[in-house]
C-alpha atoms as a PDB file:
ATOM      1  CA  MET A   1     -24.242 -55.461 -26.919  1.00  0.00           C
ATOM      2  CA  ARG A   2     -20.954 -56.083 -28.330  1.00  0.00           C
ATOM      3  CA  LEU A   3     -19.764 -55.060 -31.939  1.00  0.00           C
ATOM      4  CA  LEU A   4     -18.475 -57.259 -34.432  1.00  0.00           C
ATOM      5  CA  ARG A   5     -14.877 -56.502 -34.706  1.00  0.00           C
ATOM      6  CA  SER A   6     -15.311 -56.017 -38.467  1.00  0.00           C
ATOM      7  CA  THR A   7     -18.219 -53.380 -37.853  1.00  0.00           C
ATOM      8  CA  ASP A   8     -15.725 -51.717 -35.152  1.00  0.00           C
ATOM      9  CA  MET A   9     -13.084 -51.867 -37.994  1.00  0.00           C
ATOM     10  CA  ALA A  10     -15.424 -50.476 -40.610  1.00  0.00           C
ATOM     11  CA  LEU A  11     -16.337 -47.462 -38.469  1.00  0.00           C
ATOM     12  CA  ARG A  12     -12.825 -46.628 -37.683  1.00  0.00           C
ATOM     13  CA  VAL A  13     -11.857 -47.102 -41.517  1.00  0.00           C
ATOM     14  CA  LEU A  14     -14.610 -44.664 -42.261  1.00  0.00           C
ATOM     15  CA  MET A  15     -13.598 -42.087 -39.512  1.00  0.00           C
ATOM     16  CA  ARG A  16      -9.951 -42.285 -40.913  1.00  0.00           C
ATOM     17  CA  LEU A  17     -11.196 -41.596 -44.389  1.00  0.00           C
ATOM     18  CA  ALA A  18     -13.242 -38.637 -43.209  1.00  0.00           C
ATOM     19  CA  VAL A  19     -10.333 -36.633 -42.365  1.00  0.00           C
ATOM     20  CA  ALA A  20      -8.247 -37.741 -45.180  1.00  0.00           C
ATOM     21  CA  GLY A  21      -8.850 -34.234 -47.077  1.00  0.00           C
ATOM     22  CA  GLY A  22      -7.267 -34.478 -50.301  1.00  0.00           C
ATOM     23  CA  SER A  23      -4.861 -37.610 -49.678  1.00  0.00           C
ATOM     24  CA  THR A  24      -5.932 -41.092 -50.744  1.00  0.00           C
ATOM     25  CA  PRO A  25      -4.270 -43.541 -47.735  1.00  0.00           C
ATOM     26  CA  THR A  26      -3.982 -47.285 -49.327  1.00  0.00           C
ATOM     27  CA  THR A  27      -5.616 -49.978 -47.377  1.00  0.00           C
ATOM     28  CA  ARG A  28      -2.281 -50.962 -45.841  1.00  0.00           C
ATOM     29  CA  GLU A  29      -1.870 -47.744 -44.544  1.00  0.00           C
ATOM     30  CA  VAL A  30      -5.243 -47.464 -43.080  1.00  0.00           C
ATOM     31  CA  ALA A  31      -4.974 -50.891 -41.524  1.00  0.00           C
ATOM     32  CA  ALA A  32      -1.552 -49.962 -40.035  1.00  0.00           C
ATOM     33  CA  ASP A  33      -3.188 -46.400 -38.795  1.00  0.00           C
ATOM     34  CA  MET A  34      -6.103 -48.308 -37.116  1.00  0.00           C
ATOM     35  CA  ASN A  35      -3.718 -51.206 -35.814  1.00  0.00           C
ATOM     36  CA  VAL A  36      -5.833 -53.764 -37.536  1.00  0.00           C
ATOM     37  CA  PRO A  37      -4.373 -56.649 -39.738  1.00  0.00           C
ATOM     38  CA  TYR A  38      -4.256 -55.896 -43.399  1.00  0.00           C
ATOM     39  CA  THR A  39      -6.165 -58.819 -44.546  1.00  0.00           C
ATOM     40  CA  HIS A  40      -8.971 -57.864 -42.392  1.00  0.00           C
ATOM     41  CA  ALA A  41      -8.987 -54.251 -43.344  1.00  0.00           C
ATOM     42  CA  ALA A  42      -9.140 -55.317 -46.973  1.00  0.00           C
ATOM     43  CA  LYS A  43     -12.196 -57.336 -46.377  1.00  0.00           C
ATOM     44  CA  VAL A  44     -14.084 -54.407 -44.545  1.00  0.00           C
ATOM     45  CA  VAL A  45     -12.778 -52.076 -47.296  1.00  0.00           C
ATOM     46  CA  ALA A  46     -14.407 -54.321 -49.948  1.00  0.00           C
ATOM     47  CA  GLU A  47     -17.675 -54.449 -48.121  1.00  0.00           C
ATOM     48  CA  LEU A  48     -17.781 -50.523 -47.495  1.00  0.00           C
ATOM     49  CA  GLN A  49     -17.047 -50.055 -51.237  1.00  0.00           C
ATOM     50  CA  HIS A  50     -19.761 -52.420 -52.033  1.00  0.00           C
ATOM     51  CA  ARG A  51     -22.152 -50.522 -49.948  1.00  0.00           C
ATOM     52  CA  GLY A  52     -21.223 -47.117 -51.649  1.00  0.00           C
ATOM     53  CA  LEU A  53     -19.528 -45.820 -48.441  1.00  0.00           C
ATOM     54  CA  LEU A  54     -15.985 -45.406 -49.734  1.00  0.00           C
ATOM     55  CA  GLU A  55     -14.218 -45.446 -53.246  1.00  0.00           C
ATOM     56  CA  THR A  56     -11.126 -47.228 -54.023  1.00  0.00           C
ATOM     57  CA  ARG A  57      -8.850 -46.433 -57.086  1.00  0.00           C
ATOM     58  CA  ARG A  58      -5.949 -48.813 -57.934  1.00  0.00           C
ATOM     59  CA  GLY A  59      -2.551 -48.069 -59.346  1.00  0.00           C
ATOM     60  CA  ARG A  60      -0.077 -45.465 -58.883  1.00  0.00           C
ATOM     61  CA  GLY A  61      -1.898 -42.498 -57.086  1.00  0.00           C
ATOM     62  CA  GLY A  62      -4.721 -44.788 -55.916  1.00  0.00           C
ATOM     63  CA  GLY A  63      -6.063 -45.375 -52.735  1.00  0.00           C
ATOM     64  CA  LEU A  64      -9.210 -45.003 -50.695  1.00  0.00           C
ATOM     65  CA  SER A  65     -11.716 -42.025 -50.230  1.00  0.00           C
ATOM     66  CA  LEU A  66     -14.832 -41.708 -48.714  1.00  0.00           C
ATOM     67  CA  SER A  67     -17.610 -41.164 -50.869  1.00  0.00           C
ATOM     68  CA  GLU A  68     -20.342 -38.500 -50.307  1.00  0.00           C
ATOM     69  CA  ALA A  69     -22.848 -40.924 -49.203  1.00  0.00           C
ATOM     70  CA  GLY A  70     -20.275 -42.301 -46.732  1.00  0.00           C
ATOM     71  CA  ARG A  71     -19.576 -38.916 -45.248  1.00  0.00           C
ATOM     72  CA  GLY A  72     -23.390 -38.164 -44.524  1.00  0.00           C
ATOM     73  CA  ALA A  73     -24.252 -42.103 -43.832  1.00  0.00           C
ATOM     74  CA  SER A  74     -25.993 -42.677 -40.196  1.00  0.00           C
ATOM     75  CA  VAL A  75     -23.761 -44.333 -37.879  1.00  0.00           C
ATOM     76  CA  GLY A  76     -27.052 -46.495 -36.819  1.00  0.00           C
ATOM     77  CA  GLY A  77     -27.702 -47.394 -40.353  1.00  0.00           C
ATOM     78  CA  ILE A  78     -24.114 -48.400 -41.146  1.00  0.00           C
ATOM     79  CA  VAL A  79     -23.922 -50.669 -37.780  1.00  0.00           C
ATOM     80  CA  ARG A  80     -27.442 -52.069 -38.641  1.00  0.00           C
ATOM     81  CA  ALA A  81     -26.298 -53.176 -41.979  1.00  0.00           C
ATOM     82  CA  LEU A  82     -23.114 -54.557 -40.922  1.00  0.00           C
ATOM     83  CA  GLU A  83     -24.236 -56.394 -37.900  1.00  0.00           C
ATOM     84  CA  GLY A  84     -27.424 -57.935 -39.697  1.00  0.00           C
ATOM     85  CA  GLU A  85     -30.685 -58.537 -38.411  1.00  0.00           C
ATOM     86  CA  GLY A  86     -29.995 -61.247 -35.868  1.00  0.00           C
ATOM     87  CA  ASP A  87     -31.175 -61.406 -32.055  1.00  0.00           C
ATOM     88  CA  VAL A  88     -28.992 -60.291 -29.347  1.00  0.00           C
ATOM     89  CA  ALA A  89     -29.451 -63.745 -27.794  1.00  0.00           C
ATOM     90  CA  ASP A  90     -29.377 -67.104 -30.096  1.00  0.00           C
ATOM     91  CA  CYS A  91     -32.788 -68.379 -29.095  1.00  0.00           C
ATOM     92  CA  GLU A  92     -33.165 -70.406 -32.039  1.00  0.00           C
ATOM     93  CA  GLY A  93     -29.593 -71.770 -32.034  1.00  0.00           C
ATOM     94  CA  SER A  94     -28.813 -75.501 -32.788  1.00  0.00           C
ATOM     95  CA  VAL A  95     -30.226 -76.207 -29.066  1.00  0.00           C
ATOM     96  CA  PRO A  96     -33.149 -74.232 -29.058  1.00  0.00           C
ATOM     97  CA  CYS A  97     -34.045 -72.227 -25.747  1.00  0.00           C
ATOM     98  CA  PRO A  98     -36.615 -74.242 -24.111  1.00  0.00           C
ATOM     99  CA  LEU A  99     -38.198 -70.960 -22.679  1.00  0.00           C
ATOM    100  CA  ASN A 100     -38.827 -69.801 -26.521  1.00  0.00           C
ATOM    101  CA  SER A 101     -42.339 -69.891 -26.721  1.00  0.00           C
ATOM    102  CA  ASP A 102     -43.213 -67.763 -23.589  1.00  0.00           C
ATOM    103  CA  CYS A 103     -39.980 -65.833 -23.025  1.00  0.00           C
ATOM    104  CA  ARG A 104     -40.221 -62.180 -22.172  1.00  0.00           C
ATOM    105  CA  LEU A 105     -36.538 -61.952 -22.440  1.00  0.00           C
ATOM    106  CA  ARG A 106     -36.258 -61.946 -25.992  1.00  0.00           C
ATOM    107  CA  GLY A 107     -38.673 -59.152 -26.666  1.00  0.00           C
ATOM    108  CA  ALA A 108     -36.823 -57.017 -24.059  1.00  0.00           C
ATOM    109  CA  LEU A 109     -33.433 -57.621 -25.810  1.00  0.00           C
ATOM    110  CA  ARG A 110     -34.872 -56.890 -29.175  1.00  0.00           C
ATOM    111  CA  ARG A 111     -36.136 -53.355 -27.809  1.00  0.00           C
ATOM    112  CA  ALA A 112     -32.797 -52.870 -26.072  1.00  0.00           C
ATOM    113  CA  GLN A 113     -31.054 -53.495 -29.477  1.00  0.00           C
ATOM    114  CA  GLU A 114     -33.400 -51.169 -31.468  1.00  0.00           C
ATOM    115  CA  ALA A 115     -32.600 -48.585 -28.779  1.00  0.00           C
ATOM    116  CA  PHE A 116     -28.843 -48.906 -29.201  1.00  0.00           C
ATOM    117  CA  TYR A 117     -29.387 -48.323 -32.876  1.00  0.00           C
ATOM    118  CA  ALA A 118     -31.621 -45.494 -32.325  1.00  0.00           C
ATOM    119  CA  ALA A 119     -29.201 -43.652 -30.061  1.00  0.00           C
ATOM    120  CA  LEU A 120     -26.763 -44.081 -33.341  1.00  0.00           C
ATOM    121  CA  ASP A 121     -29.206 -43.233 -36.008  1.00  0.00           C
ATOM    122  CA  PRO A 122     -28.928 -39.346 -35.944  1.00  0.00           C
ATOM    123  CA  LEU A 123     -25.011 -39.353 -35.742  1.00  0.00           C
ATOM    124  CA  THR A 124     -23.302 -39.325 -39.259  1.00  0.00           C
ATOM    125  CA  VAL A 125     -19.550 -40.299 -39.819  1.00  0.00           C
ATOM    126  CA  ALA A 126     -18.972 -36.681 -40.364  1.00  0.00           C
ATOM    127  CA  ASP A 127     -20.147 -36.046 -36.841  1.00  0.00           C
ATOM    128  CA  MET A 128     -17.823 -38.709 -35.364  1.00  0.00           C
ATOM    129  CA  VAL A 129     -14.796 -37.003 -36.613  1.00  0.00           C
ATOM    130  CA  ALA A 130     -15.511 -33.775 -34.880  1.00  0.00           C
ATOM    131  CA  ALA A 131     -13.065 -32.372 -32.250  1.00  0.00           C
ATOM    132  CA  PRO A 132     -11.357 -34.159 -30.343  1.00  0.00           C
ATOM    133  CA  THR A 133     -11.418 -37.391 -32.398  1.00  0.00           C
ATOM    134  CA  GLY A 134     -10.847 -35.798 -35.966  1.00  0.00           C
ATOM    135  CA  PRO A 135      -7.543 -34.099 -34.547  1.00  0.00           C
ATOM    136  CA  LEU A 136      -6.366 -37.217 -33.113  1.00  0.00           C
ATOM    137  CA  LEU A 137      -6.895 -38.918 -36.382  1.00  0.00           C
ATOM    138  CA  LEU A 138      -4.862 -36.523 -38.235  1.00  0.00           C
ATOM    139  CA  GLY A 139      -2.050 -37.412 -36.042  1.00  0.00           C
ATOM    140  CA  LEU A 140      -1.734 -40.856 -37.359  1.00  0.00           C
ATOM    141  CA  PRO A 141       1.229 -41.686 -39.436  1.00  0.00           C
ATOM    142  CA  SER A 142      -0.629 -41.900 -42.950  1.00  0.00           C
ATOM    143  CA  ALA A 143      -2.500 -38.715 -42.183  1.00  0.00           C
ATOM    144  CA  ARG A 144       0.697 -36.846 -41.954  1.00  0.00           C
ATOM    145  CA  ARG A 145       1.871 -38.066 -45.370  1.00  0.00           C
ATOM    146  CA  PRO A 146       2.070 -35.589 -48.054  1.00  0.00           C
ATOM    147  CA  SER A 147      -0.415 -36.090 -50.554  1.00  0.00           C
END
């Protein structure tokens, strides 16, 4: 299974903000730190804000910060929400699979997908920034910026 780029980016943004401390990096700074296009980061930030995982503040002194809900959010829950409820394989696509009615693969893939999410469920965003990851994130350019 492969995550959507936007899901991967969302997890990296949340992790970056989890180590921000008192600083409030901008979307542009986080995009540069995570080596992703600003326009894509802006869409991801808007989605994360909509879901209550981060807070944004405009204007001078503004920026991004991780909400309490975001800090304690289950990584499995975040991935489920961002990836959607779709199947791993597109059995019902524009050209439906001829095996659809009696296929055992679809159920096996669904169970494997659920096992993937279940492995991520106990982990929180805060867990993801424990050493050695957190110190690496603190070494990023905007993390070293004085607040």
